[in-house]
Amino acid sequence: MIHTATVTPWPIVSAYFDRGFALTEARQYAAALGDYRRALKQVPDHADSKKWIDQIVSIYQMLNKAAPK
């Protein structure tokens, strides 16, 4: 019997989210958005990433700038 391990995306999601959060704190919003979006590609219902994406988009809106795609 061959036993294969199930690989979950959570370690990479955590890495993307943590780096995104550090970038957010450093006010590097464009790079942070990229990491939060990468986390959502792995886990589409990652609530914290969704929340921070919304926060950063709001910041861009307050600055009358378009958020990076």
Protein backbone atom coordinates (compact mmCIF):
# COMPACT_ATOMS: atom_id res chain seq x y z
CA MET A 1 0.00 0.00 0.00
CA ILE A 2 1.36 3.37 -1.01
CA HIS A 3 0.58 6.14 1.43
CA THR A 4 0.71 9.70 0.17
CA ALA A 5 0.58 12.73 2.40
CA THR A 6 -1.97 15.41 1.75
CA VAL A 7 -0.27 18.74 1.26
CA THR A 8 -2.17 21.68 2.65
CA PRO A 9 -1.52 25.22 1.44
CA TRP A 10 -1.53 26.74 4.94
CA PRO A 11 2.24 27.10 5.46
CA ILE A 12 2.61 29.09 2.23
CA VAL A 13 -0.56 31.06 3.00
CA SER A 14 0.83 31.97 6.40
CA ALA A 15 4.12 33.04 4.82
CA TYR A 16 2.37 35.24 2.26
CA PHE A 17 0.09 36.75 4.90
CA ASP A 18 2.90 37.40 7.38
CA ARG A 19 5.06 39.05 4.75
CA GLY A 20 2.09 41.06 3.53
CA PHE A 21 1.46 42.25 7.07
CA ALA A 22 5.11 43.27 7.52
CA LEU A 23 4.96 45.14 4.20
CA THR A 24 1.75 46.84 5.29
CA GLU A 25 3.39 48.02 8.49
CA ALA A 26 6.27 49.36 6.38
CA ARG A 27 3.70 51.17 4.21
CA GLN A 28 4.75 49.21 1.15
CA TYR A 29 1.14 48.77 0.14
CA ALA A 30 1.58 47.61 -3.46
CA ALA A 31 3.86 44.75 -2.43
CA ALA A 32 1.58 43.88 0.49
CA LEU A 33 -1.42 43.66 -1.84
CA GLY A 34 0.47 41.17 -3.97
CA ASP A 35 1.15 38.90 -1.00
CA TYR A 36 -2.41 39.09 0.31
CA ARG A 37 -3.68 38.23 -3.17
CA ARG A 38 -1.25 35.29 -3.39
CA ALA A 39 -2.62 34.00 -0.09
CA LEU A 40 -6.17 34.24 -1.47
CA LYS A 41 -5.19 32.26 -4.56
CA GLN A 42 -4.20 29.41 -2.26
CA VAL A 43 -7.13 29.73 0.15
CA PRO A 44 -9.94 31.81 -1.40
CA ASP A 45 -11.78 32.27 1.90
CA HIS A 46 -8.78 33.57 3.88
CA ALA A 47 -10.63 36.25 5.83
CA ASP A 48 -7.60 38.13 7.14
CA SER A 49 -6.17 38.58 3.66
CA LYS A 50 -9.53 39.82 2.40
CA LYS A 51 -9.71 42.29 5.29
CA TRP A 52 -6.26 43.72 4.62
CA ILE A 53 -6.85 43.96 0.88
CA ASP A 54 -9.95 46.02 1.63
CA GLN A 55 -7.98 48.20 4.07
CA ILE A 56 -5.22 48.89 1.55
CA VAL A 57 -7.68 49.61 -1.25
CA SER A 58 -9.35 52.11 1.10
CA ILE A 59 -5.99 53.79 1.69
CA TYR A 60 -5.47 54.15 -2.05
CA GLN A 61 -8.98 55.58 -2.39
CA MET A 62 -8.27 58.16 0.34
CA LEU A 63 -5.17 59.17 -1.58
CA ASN A 64 -7.22 59.44 -4.79
CA LYS A 65 -5.05 56.77 -6.41
CA ALA A 66 -5.92 53.53 -8.12
CA ALA A 67 -4.89 50.41 -6.23
CA PRO A 68 -2.46 48.17 -8.10
CA LYS A 69 -4.06 45.26 -9.94
